[in-house]
Amino acid sequence: MKKIILSTCHHIKKSKGFSLLEFFVAMVISLILMAGVLQVFLNSKNSYNLAMGYSQVQENGRFIESYIVRIIRLTGYRSPPGQTNQFVPIANIFTAALPYVSGTHGTGPNGSDTLTIRYQGSGNGTGTPDGTIMDCLNVPADANTIVTNTFSLTNNNELQCQAQNADSPNPNNTQILVSGVENFQVLYGEDLNGDFSADRFVNANYAFLNWNDVVSVRLCLLLRSDNPVNTFKENPTFYMLGTSYTPAAADNYLRNPLTFTVLLRNLVLQPY
């Protein structure tokens, strides 16, 4: 009897892994994709930082203009006369030694200027201010008290104000108002013919400047971002009211000049 032997043939398909070449190709593609994602992230971050830098510079500019304008407009203010209904002549209050406006030119950091504003307070005249007239640090001054405010820059690019106010708990106080101010220039509008309009704008060092004829003040501040967010290193020259200023070295800070003019209303409309 013949034996029938049944044989079963199993065809097993061998599985193959990635070759070394395929592995390197996949790795290169992955690295390219990751580099693209990283580049998008970095661009987005730079755009965000740049937008924040511009926003900070603009916000500082709005704050500085509104704050300083409020103080400068008080220049030469005289306390109400009370029962006499007669204002004290302005020359008797703000003398040649202590004029209602004065300043220095080029004596501060980066060749910046200083600006000094003087005015009287408001109240009962016996040590109780009514709160309507403040110094540059928001402390009220009483009637007949002469307030002296001096704006200047620190070595850390900060705008500060020194307030001399006898009615303040700290009669001679200096505080930082805002950071990111790299230069500060001032011109004084002088009235030469008595029509209460500026005929020329000169700096504080001008030999023929008469402080008693100043009817307006023009300011230029170079604002700078707190952080180096600019994608390009730059050190352009800025022309600020006749004074040129160039940063010491190229850097990545954003800079923008702010210029405005303030009319000294108390000197134009004098209630004699």
C-alpha atoms as a PDB file:
ATOM      1  CA  MET A   1       0.000   0.000   0.000  1.00  0.00           C
ATOM      2  CA  LYS A   2       1.420   3.280  -1.063  1.00  0.00           C
ATOM      3  CA  LYS A   3       1.508   6.056   1.398  1.00  0.00           C
ATOM      4  CA  ILE A   4       0.373   9.352   0.145  1.00  0.00           C
ATOM      5  CA  ILE A   5       2.337  12.124   1.707  1.00  0.00           C
ATOM      6  CA  LEU A   6       0.637  15.463   1.564  1.00  0.00           C
ATOM      7  CA  SER A   7       2.994  18.334   1.703  1.00  0.00           C
ATOM      8  CA  THR A   8       1.836  21.868   2.375  1.00  0.00           C
ATOM      9  CA  CYS A   9       3.947  24.670   1.047  1.00  0.00           C
ATOM     10  CA  HIS A  10       3.746  27.844   3.080  1.00  0.00           C
ATOM     11  CA  HIS A  11       4.908  30.896   1.200  1.00  0.00           C
ATOM     12  CA  ILE A  12       6.070  33.339   3.871  1.00  0.00           C
ATOM     13  CA  LYS A  13       6.628  36.923   2.652  1.00  0.00           C
ATOM     14  CA  LYS A  14       9.564  38.396   4.365  1.00  0.00           C
ATOM     15  CA  SER A  15       8.984  41.927   5.753  1.00  0.00           C
ATOM     16  CA  LYS A  16      11.668  44.460   5.106  1.00  0.00           C
ATOM     17  CA  GLY A  17      12.546  47.476   7.423  1.00  0.00           C
ATOM     18  CA  PHE A  18      13.683  50.923   6.356  1.00  0.00           C
ATOM     19  CA  SER A  19      16.967  51.063   4.645  1.00  0.00           C
ATOM     20  CA  LEU A  20      19.625  53.438   5.926  1.00  0.00           C
ATOM     21  CA  LEU A  21      19.070  55.717   2.949  1.00  0.00           C
ATOM     22  CA  GLU A  22      15.330  55.894   3.574  1.00  0.00           C
ATOM     23  CA  PHE A  23      15.973  56.690   7.230  1.00  0.00           C
ATOM     24  CA  PHE A  24      18.257  59.599   6.362  1.00  0.00           C
ATOM     25  CA  VAL A  25      15.779  60.945   3.792  1.00  0.00           C
ATOM     26  CA  ALA A  26      12.978  60.842   6.363  1.00  0.00           C
ATOM     27  CA  MET A  27      15.178  62.547   8.938  1.00  0.00           C
ATOM     28  CA  VAL A  28      16.128  65.336   6.502  1.00  0.00           C
ATOM     29  CA  ILE A  29      12.481  65.940   5.607  1.00  0.00           C
ATOM     30  CA  SER A  30      11.570  66.068   9.311  1.00  0.00           C
ATOM     31  CA  LEU A  31      14.346  68.562  10.000  1.00  0.00           C
ATOM     32  CA  ILE A  32      13.190  70.759   7.115  1.00  0.00           C
ATOM     33  CA  LEU A  33       9.635  70.734   8.441  1.00  0.00           C
ATOM     34  CA  MET A  34      10.825  71.527  11.959  1.00  0.00           C
ATOM     35  CA  ALA A  35      12.995  74.372  10.649  1.00  0.00           C
ATOM     36  CA  GLY A  36       9.976  75.795   8.829  1.00  0.00           C
ATOM     37  CA  VAL A  37       7.814  75.618  11.933  1.00  0.00           C
ATOM     38  CA  LEU A  38      10.587  77.170  14.017  1.00  0.00           C
ATOM     39  CA  GLN A  39      11.016  79.987  11.481  1.00  0.00           C
ATOM     40  CA  VAL A  40       7.283  80.726  11.554  1.00  0.00           C
ATOM     41  CA  PHE A  41       7.411  80.802  15.352  1.00  0.00           C
ATOM     42  CA  LEU A  42      10.420  83.142  15.404  1.00  0.00           C
ATOM     43  CA  ASN A  43       8.847  85.465  12.838  1.00  0.00           C
ATOM     44  CA  SER A  44       5.641  85.589  14.853  1.00  0.00           C
ATOM     45  CA  LYS A  45       7.587  86.315  18.029  1.00  0.00           C
ATOM     46  CA  ASN A  46       9.607  89.081  16.345  1.00  0.00           C
ATOM     47  CA  SER A  47       6.439  90.620  14.926  1.00  0.00           C
ATOM     48  CA  TYR A  48       4.819  90.525  18.361  1.00  0.00           C
ATOM     49  CA  ASN A  49       7.853  92.109  20.040  1.00  0.00           C
ATOM     50  CA  LEU A  50       8.036  94.771  17.343  1.00  0.00           C
ATOM     51  CA  ALA A  51       4.346  95.583  17.731  1.00  0.00           C
ATOM     52  CA  MET A  52       4.743  95.787  21.509  1.00  0.00           C
ATOM     53  CA  GLY A  53       7.749  98.100  21.073  1.00  0.00           C
ATOM     54  CA  TYR A  54       5.806 100.443  18.801  1.00  0.00           C
ATOM     55  CA  SER A  55       2.853 100.342  21.182  1.00  0.00           C
ATOM     56  CA  GLN A  56       5.065 101.231  24.136  1.00  0.00           C
ATOM     57  CA  VAL A  57       6.690 104.152  22.315  1.00  0.00           C
ATOM     58  CA  GLN A  58       3.313 105.495  21.201  1.00  0.00           C
ATOM     59  CA  GLU A  59       1.779 105.116  24.646  1.00  0.00           C
ATOM     60  CA  ASN A  60       4.736 106.874  26.271  1.00  0.00           C
ATOM     61  CA  GLY A  61       4.389 109.675  23.737  1.00  0.00           C
ATOM     62  CA  ARG A  62       0.697 110.173  24.489  1.00  0.00           C
ATOM     63  CA  PHE A  63       1.343 110.159  28.227  1.00  0.00           C
ATOM     64  CA  ILE A  64       4.266 112.591  28.028  1.00  0.00           C
ATOM     65  CA  GLU A  65       2.436 115.050  25.797  1.00  0.00           C
ATOM     66  CA  SER A  66      -0.727 115.137  27.909  1.00  0.00           C
ATOM     67  CA  TYR A  67       1.181 115.266  31.205  1.00  0.00           C
ATOM     68  CA  ILE A  68       3.742 117.914  30.301  1.00  0.00           C
ATOM     69  CA  VAL A  69       1.214 120.071  28.452  1.00  0.00           C
ATOM     70  CA  ARG A  70      -0.956 120.183  31.566  1.00  0.00           C
ATOM     71  CA  ILE A  71       1.962 121.473  33.639  1.00  0.00           C
ATOM     72  CA  ILE A  72       3.308 123.905  31.042  1.00  0.00           C
ATOM     73  CA  ARG A  73      -0.109 125.511  30.602  1.00  0.00           C
ATOM     74  CA  LEU A  74       0.019 126.515  34.266  1.00  0.00           C
ATOM     75  CA  THR A  75       3.131 128.616  33.613  1.00  0.00           C
ATOM     76  CA  GLY A  76       2.802 132.072  35.158  1.00  0.00           C
ATOM     77  CA  TYR A  77      -0.503 131.292  36.877  1.00  0.00           C
ATOM     78  CA  ARG A  78      -1.216 133.730  39.718  1.00  0.00           C
ATOM     79  CA  SER A  79      -3.392 133.002  42.726  1.00  0.00           C
ATOM     80  CA  PRO A  80      -6.842 134.681  42.686  1.00  0.00           C
ATOM     81  CA  PRO A  81      -6.705 138.139  44.299  1.00  0.00           C
ATOM     82  CA  GLY A  82      -9.382 137.480  46.925  1.00  0.00           C
ATOM     83  CA  GLN A  83     -11.259 140.497  48.264  1.00  0.00           C
ATOM     84  CA  THR A  84      -8.975 143.066  46.643  1.00  0.00           C
ATOM     85  CA  ASN A  85      -9.941 141.962  43.099  1.00  0.00           C
ATOM     86  CA  GLN A  86      -6.476 143.075  42.028  1.00  0.00           C
ATOM     87  CA  PHE A  87      -3.955 140.608  40.731  1.00  0.00           C
ATOM     88  CA  VAL A  88      -0.394 141.154  41.868  1.00  0.00           C
ATOM     89  CA  PRO A  89       1.671 142.280  38.837  1.00  0.00           C
ATOM     90  CA  ILE A  90       3.333 139.279  37.286  1.00  0.00           C
ATOM     91  CA  ALA A  91       6.787 140.886  37.454  1.00  0.00           C
ATOM     92  CA  ASN A  92       6.426 141.188  41.243  1.00  0.00           C
ATOM     93  CA  ILE A  93       5.864 137.448  41.586  1.00  0.00           C
ATOM     94  CA  PHE A  94       8.137 135.976  38.940  1.00  0.00           C
ATOM     95  CA  THR A  95      11.278 138.046  39.119  1.00  0.00           C
ATOM     96  CA  ALA A  96      14.386 138.026  36.941  1.00  0.00           C
ATOM     97  CA  ALA A  97      15.987 135.624  39.415  1.00  0.00           C
ATOM     98  CA  LEU A  98      12.951 133.299  39.391  1.00  0.00           C
ATOM     99  CA  PRO A  99      11.164 133.732  36.039  1.00  0.00           C
ATOM    100  CA  TYR A 100       7.959 131.880  35.220  1.00  0.00           C
ATOM    101  CA  VAL A 101       9.865 129.794  32.651  1.00  0.00           C
ATOM    102  CA  SER A 102      13.559 129.005  32.276  1.00  0.00           C
ATOM    103  CA  GLY A 103      15.890 126.152  31.419  1.00  0.00           C
ATOM    104  CA  THR A 104      19.329 124.985  30.385  1.00  0.00           C
ATOM    105  CA  HIS A 105      20.623 123.800  27.024  1.00  0.00           C
ATOM    106  CA  GLY A 106      22.782 120.733  26.429  1.00  0.00           C
ATOM    107  CA  THR A 107      23.688 120.136  30.083  1.00  0.00           C
ATOM    108  CA  GLY A 108      21.890 116.816  30.558  1.00  0.00           C
ATOM    109  CA  PRO A 109      22.544 113.218  29.444  1.00  0.00           C
ATOM    110  CA  ASN A 110      23.105 112.862  25.692  1.00  0.00           C
ATOM    111  CA  GLY A 111      23.232 116.651  25.435  1.00  0.00           C
ATOM    112  CA  SER A 112      19.639 117.067  26.568  1.00  0.00           C
ATOM    113  CA  ASP A 113      17.993 120.209  27.967  1.00  0.00           C
ATOM    114  CA  THR A 114      16.095 120.989  31.144  1.00  0.00           C
ATOM    115  CA  LEU A 115      12.836 122.919  31.460  1.00  0.00           C
ATOM    116  CA  THR A 116      11.672 124.805  34.566  1.00  0.00           C
ATOM    117  CA  ILE A 117       8.066 125.960  35.017  1.00  0.00           C
ATOM    118  CA  ARG A 118       6.796 128.198  37.836  1.00  0.00           C
ATOM    119  CA  TYR A 119       3.302 129.193  38.946  1.00  0.00           C
ATOM    120  CA  GLN A 120       1.266 129.891  42.075  1.00  0.00           C
ATOM    121  CA  GLY A 121      -1.242 127.602  43.756  1.00  0.00           C
ATOM    122  CA  SER A 122      -4.875 128.028  44.764  1.00  0.00           C
ATOM    123  CA  GLY A 123      -6.626 127.812  48.133  1.00  0.00           C
ATOM    124  CA  ASN A 124      -7.343 129.896  51.216  1.00  0.00           C
ATOM    125  CA  GLY A 125      -3.758 131.110  51.473  1.00  0.00           C
ATOM    126  CA  THR A 126      -3.328 129.754  54.987  1.00  0.00           C
ATOM    127  CA  GLY A 127      -2.101 126.280  54.198  1.00  0.00           C
ATOM    128  CA  THR A 128      -5.249 124.691  52.780  1.00  0.00           C
ATOM    129  CA  PRO A 129      -5.012 124.123  49.014  1.00  0.00           C
ATOM    130  CA  ASP A 130      -8.295 123.658  47.160  1.00  0.00           C
ATOM    131  CA  GLY A 131      -6.762 120.919  44.978  1.00  0.00           C
ATOM    132  CA  THR A 132      -7.210 122.685  41.637  1.00  0.00           C
ATOM    133  CA  ILE A 133      -3.502 123.482  41.144  1.00  0.00           C
ATOM    134  CA  MET A 134      -0.985 120.653  41.426  1.00  0.00           C
ATOM    135  CA  ASP A 135       2.764 120.378  41.041  1.00  0.00           C
ATOM    136  CA  CYS A 136       4.262 117.946  38.519  1.00  0.00           C
ATOM    137  CA  LEU A 137       4.033 115.137  41.107  1.00  0.00           C
ATOM    138  CA  ASN A 138       0.305 115.725  41.692  1.00  0.00           C
ATOM    139  CA  VAL A 139       0.642 117.427  45.090  1.00  0.00           C
ATOM    140  CA  PRO A 140      -1.685 120.447  45.528  1.00  0.00           C
ATOM    141  CA  ALA A 141      -0.335 123.932  46.225  1.00  0.00           C
ATOM    142  CA  ASP A 142      -2.048 126.679  48.230  1.00  0.00           C
ATOM    143  CA  ALA A 143      -2.611 130.266  47.113  1.00  0.00           C
ATOM    144  CA  ASN A 144       0.508 132.458  46.988  1.00  0.00           C
ATOM    145  CA  THR A 145       2.791 129.406  47.087  1.00  0.00           C
ATOM    146  CA  ILE A 146       5.177 129.417  44.126  1.00  0.00           C
ATOM    147  CA  VAL A 147       5.591 125.952  42.670  1.00  0.00           C
ATOM    148  CA  THR A 148       8.784 125.173  40.735  1.00  0.00           C
ATOM    149  CA  ASN A 149       8.774 122.137  38.417  1.00  0.00           C
ATOM    150  CA  THR A 150      11.946 121.088  36.584  1.00  0.00           C
ATOM    151  CA  PHE A 151      11.842 118.436  33.851  1.00  0.00           C
ATOM    152  CA  SER A 152      15.073 116.649  32.950  1.00  0.00           C
ATOM    153  CA  LEU A 153      16.503 113.269  31.947  1.00  0.00           C
ATOM    154  CA  THR A 154      18.345 110.723  34.058  1.00  0.00           C
ATOM    155  CA  ASN A 155      21.392 108.738  32.940  1.00  0.00           C
ATOM    156  CA  ASN A 156      19.038 105.756  32.481  1.00  0.00           C
ATOM    157  CA  ASN A 157      16.971 107.446  29.737  1.00  0.00           C
ATOM    158  CA  GLU A 158      14.119 108.381  32.066  1.00  0.00           C
ATOM    159  CA  LEU A 159      12.111 111.600  32.153  1.00  0.00           C
ATOM    160  CA  GLN A 160      11.951 112.933  35.699  1.00  0.00           C
ATOM    161  CA  CYS A 161      10.457 115.958  37.415  1.00  0.00           C
ATOM    162  CA  GLN A 162      11.683 117.814  40.481  1.00  0.00           C
ATOM    163  CA  ALA A 163       8.819 119.524  42.315  1.00  0.00           C
ATOM    164  CA  GLN A 164       9.574 122.298  44.795  1.00  0.00           C
ATOM    165  CA  ASN A 165       6.333 122.918  46.650  1.00  0.00           C
ATOM    166  CA  ALA A 166       6.248 124.336  50.187  1.00  0.00           C
ATOM    167  CA  ASP A 167       2.789 122.798  50.732  1.00  0.00           C
ATOM    168  CA  SER A 168       3.990 119.270  49.986  1.00  0.00           C
ATOM    169  CA  PRO A 169       4.967 116.773  52.720  1.00  0.00           C
ATOM    170  CA  ASN A 170       8.216 116.530  50.744  1.00  0.00           C
ATOM    171  CA  PRO A 171       8.884 120.153  49.669  1.00  0.00           C
ATOM    172  CA  ASN A 172      11.707 119.173  47.296  1.00  0.00           C
ATOM    173  CA  ASN A 173      10.860 115.875  45.688  1.00  0.00           C
ATOM    174  CA  THR A 174      12.090 114.262  42.468  1.00  0.00           C
ATOM    175  CA  GLN A 175      10.408 111.277  40.824  1.00  0.00           C
ATOM    176  CA  ILE A 176      10.648 109.363  37.559  1.00  0.00           C
ATOM    177  CA  LEU A 177       7.691 110.027  35.255  1.00  0.00           C
ATOM    178  CA  VAL A 178       8.362 107.627  32.381  1.00  0.00           C
ATOM    179  CA  SER A 179      11.191 105.516  30.976  1.00  0.00           C
ATOM    180  CA  GLY A 180      12.415 105.309  27.405  1.00  0.00           C
ATOM    181  CA  VAL A 181      13.305 108.971  26.751  1.00  0.00           C
ATOM    182  CA  GLU A 182      16.791 109.249  25.229  1.00  0.00           C
ATOM    183  CA  ASN A 183      16.949 112.967  24.447  1.00  0.00           C
ATOM    184  CA  PHE A 184      15.044 116.117  25.397  1.00  0.00           C
ATOM    185  CA  GLN A 185      15.291 119.441  23.567  1.00  0.00           C
ATOM    186  CA  VAL A 186      13.453 122.703  24.258  1.00  0.00           C
ATOM    187  CA  LEU A 187      13.005 125.946  22.355  1.00  0.00           C
ATOM    188  CA  TYR A 188      11.368 129.079  23.730  1.00  0.00           C
ATOM    189  CA  GLY A 189       8.980 131.187  21.662  1.00  0.00           C
ATOM    190  CA  GLU A 190       9.824 134.841  22.255  1.00  0.00           C
ATOM    191  CA  ASP A 191       7.414 137.702  21.565  1.00  0.00           C
ATOM    192  CA  LEU A 192       9.396 140.642  20.167  1.00  0.00           C
ATOM    193  CA  ASN A 193       6.642 143.105  19.378  1.00  0.00           C
ATOM    194  CA  GLY A 194       4.100 142.710  22.166  1.00  0.00           C
ATOM    195  CA  ASP A 195       1.379 140.938  20.174  1.00  0.00           C
ATOM    196  CA  PHE A 196       1.571 137.814  22.415  1.00  0.00           C
ATOM    197  CA  SER A 197       2.695 135.674  19.487  1.00  0.00           C
ATOM    198  CA  ALA A 198       6.121 134.039  19.190  1.00  0.00           C
ATOM    199  CA  ASP A 199       8.350 135.789  16.653  1.00  0.00           C
ATOM    200  CA  ARG A 200      11.276 133.411  17.065  1.00  0.00           C
ATOM    201  CA  PHE A 201      12.128 130.153  18.806  1.00  0.00           C
ATOM    202  CA  VAL A 202      15.528 129.969  20.487  1.00  0.00           C
ATOM    203  CA  ASN A 203      17.272 127.691  22.986  1.00  0.00           C
ATOM    204  CA  ALA A 204      18.093 128.610  26.557  1.00  0.00           C
ATOM    205  CA  ASN A 205      21.664 129.619  25.671  1.00  0.00           C
ATOM    206  CA  TYR A 206      20.627 132.282  23.183  1.00  0.00           C
ATOM    207  CA  ALA A 207      22.370 135.467  24.312  1.00  0.00           C
ATOM    208  CA  PHE A 208      19.473 137.820  23.550  1.00  0.00           C
ATOM    209  CA  LEU A 209      16.680 135.720  25.016  1.00  0.00           C
ATOM    210  CA  ASN A 210      14.450 137.647  27.435  1.00  0.00           C
ATOM    211  CA  TRP A 211      12.609 135.166  29.654  1.00  0.00           C
ATOM    212  CA  ASN A 212       9.888 137.732  30.362  1.00  0.00           C
ATOM    213  CA  ASP A 213       8.954 137.737  26.657  1.00  0.00           C
ATOM    214  CA  VAL A 214       8.479 133.969  26.305  1.00  0.00           C
ATOM    215  CA  VAL A 215       4.895 133.126  25.305  1.00  0.00           C
ATOM    216  CA  SER A 216       5.250 129.509  24.115  1.00  0.00           C
ATOM    217  CA  VAL A 217       7.484 126.477  24.515  1.00  0.00           C
ATOM    218  CA  ARG A 218       8.396 123.926  21.851  1.00  0.00           C
ATOM    219  CA  LEU A 219       9.634 120.495  22.913  1.00  0.00           C
ATOM    220  CA  CYS A 220      11.152 117.510  21.140  1.00  0.00           C
ATOM    221  CA  LEU A 221      11.690 114.213  22.955  1.00  0.00           C
ATOM    222  CA  LEU A 222      13.382 111.183  21.434  1.00  0.00           C
ATOM    223  CA  LEU A 223      11.429 108.161  22.648  1.00  0.00           C
ATOM    224  CA  ARG A 224      13.036 104.719  22.796  1.00  0.00           C
ATOM    225  CA  SER A 225      11.661 101.249  23.405  1.00  0.00           C
ATOM    226  CA  ASP A 226      12.649  99.609  26.677  1.00  0.00           C
ATOM    227  CA  ASN A 227      13.815  96.453  24.902  1.00  0.00           C
ATOM    228  CA  PRO A 228      15.870  95.938  21.692  1.00  0.00           C
ATOM    229  CA  VAL A 229      12.989  94.701  19.525  1.00  0.00           C
ATOM    230  CA  ASN A 230      14.083  96.111  16.161  1.00  0.00           C
ATOM    231  CA  THR A 231      15.200  93.391  13.743  1.00  0.00           C
ATOM    232  CA  PHE A 232      17.877  95.673  12.279  1.00  0.00           C
ATOM    233  CA  LYS A 233      20.733  97.391  14.038  1.00  0.00           C
ATOM    234  CA  GLU A 234      20.478 101.139  13.440  1.00  0.00           C
ATOM    235  CA  ASN A 235      21.966 104.396  14.708  1.00  0.00           C
ATOM    236  CA  PRO A 236      20.453 107.134  12.523  1.00  0.00           C
ATOM    237  CA  THR A 237      20.944 110.822  13.213  1.00  0.00           C
ATOM    238  CA  PHE A 238      17.919 112.659  14.608  1.00  0.00           C
ATOM    239  CA  TYR A 239      17.491 116.392  14.079  1.00  0.00           C
ATOM    240  CA  MET A 240      15.710 117.783  17.116  1.00  0.00           C
ATOM    241  CA  LEU A 241      14.836 121.479  17.013  1.00  0.00           C
ATOM    242  CA  GLY A 242      18.185 122.456  15.547  1.00  0.00           C
ATOM    243  CA  THR A 243      20.204 119.961  17.599  1.00  0.00           C
ATOM    244  CA  SER A 244      21.477 116.763  15.959  1.00  0.00           C
ATOM    245  CA  TYR A 245      21.786 113.581  17.979  1.00  0.00           C
ATOM    246  CA  THR A 246      23.190 110.202  16.937  1.00  0.00           C
ATOM    247  CA  PRO A 247      23.122 107.164  19.264  1.00  0.00           C
ATOM    248  CA  ALA A 248      26.578 106.049  20.366  1.00  0.00           C
ATOM    249  CA  ALA A 249      26.381 102.724  18.518  1.00  0.00           C
ATOM    250  CA  ALA A 250      24.079 100.783  16.231  1.00  0.00           C
ATOM    251  CA  ASP A 251      21.561  98.777  18.251  1.00  0.00           C
ATOM    252  CA  ASN A 252      18.140  97.151  17.976  1.00  0.00           C
ATOM    253  CA  TYR A 253      16.091  99.733  19.877  1.00  0.00           C
ATOM    254  CA  LEU A 254      13.117 101.461  18.292  1.00  0.00           C
ATOM    255  CA  ARG A 255      13.280 105.268  18.352  1.00  0.00           C
ATOM    256  CA  ASN A 256      10.743 107.929  17.467  1.00  0.00           C
ATOM    257  CA  PRO A 257      10.925 111.727  17.986  1.00  0.00           C
ATOM    258  CA  LEU A 258       7.925 113.505  19.495  1.00  0.00           C
ATOM    259  CA  THR A 259       7.559 117.254  18.874  1.00  0.00           C
ATOM    260  CA  PHE A 260       4.850 119.632  20.083  1.00  0.00           C
ATOM    261  CA  THR A 261       4.373 123.302  20.979  1.00  0.00           C
ATOM    262  CA  VAL A 262       2.538 124.650  24.030  1.00  0.00           C
ATOM    263  CA  LEU A 263       1.088 128.157  24.277  1.00  0.00           C
ATOM    264  CA  LEU A 264       1.599 129.816  27.669  1.00  0.00           C
ATOM    265  CA  ARG A 265      -1.991 130.940  28.031  1.00  0.00           C
ATOM    266  CA  ASN A 266      -1.510 132.767  31.313  1.00  0.00           C
ATOM    267  CA  LEU A 267       1.039 135.023  29.604  1.00  0.00           C
ATOM    268  CA  VAL A 268      -1.161 135.688  26.571  1.00  0.00           C
ATOM    269  CA  LEU A 269      -4.316 136.487  28.545  1.00  0.00           C
ATOM    270  CA  GLN A 270      -3.195 138.453  31.561  1.00  0.00           C
ATOM    271  CA  PRO A 271      -6.021 139.602  33.895  1.00  0.00           C
ATOM    272  CA  TYR A 272      -4.624 142.979  34.954  1.00  0.00           C
END
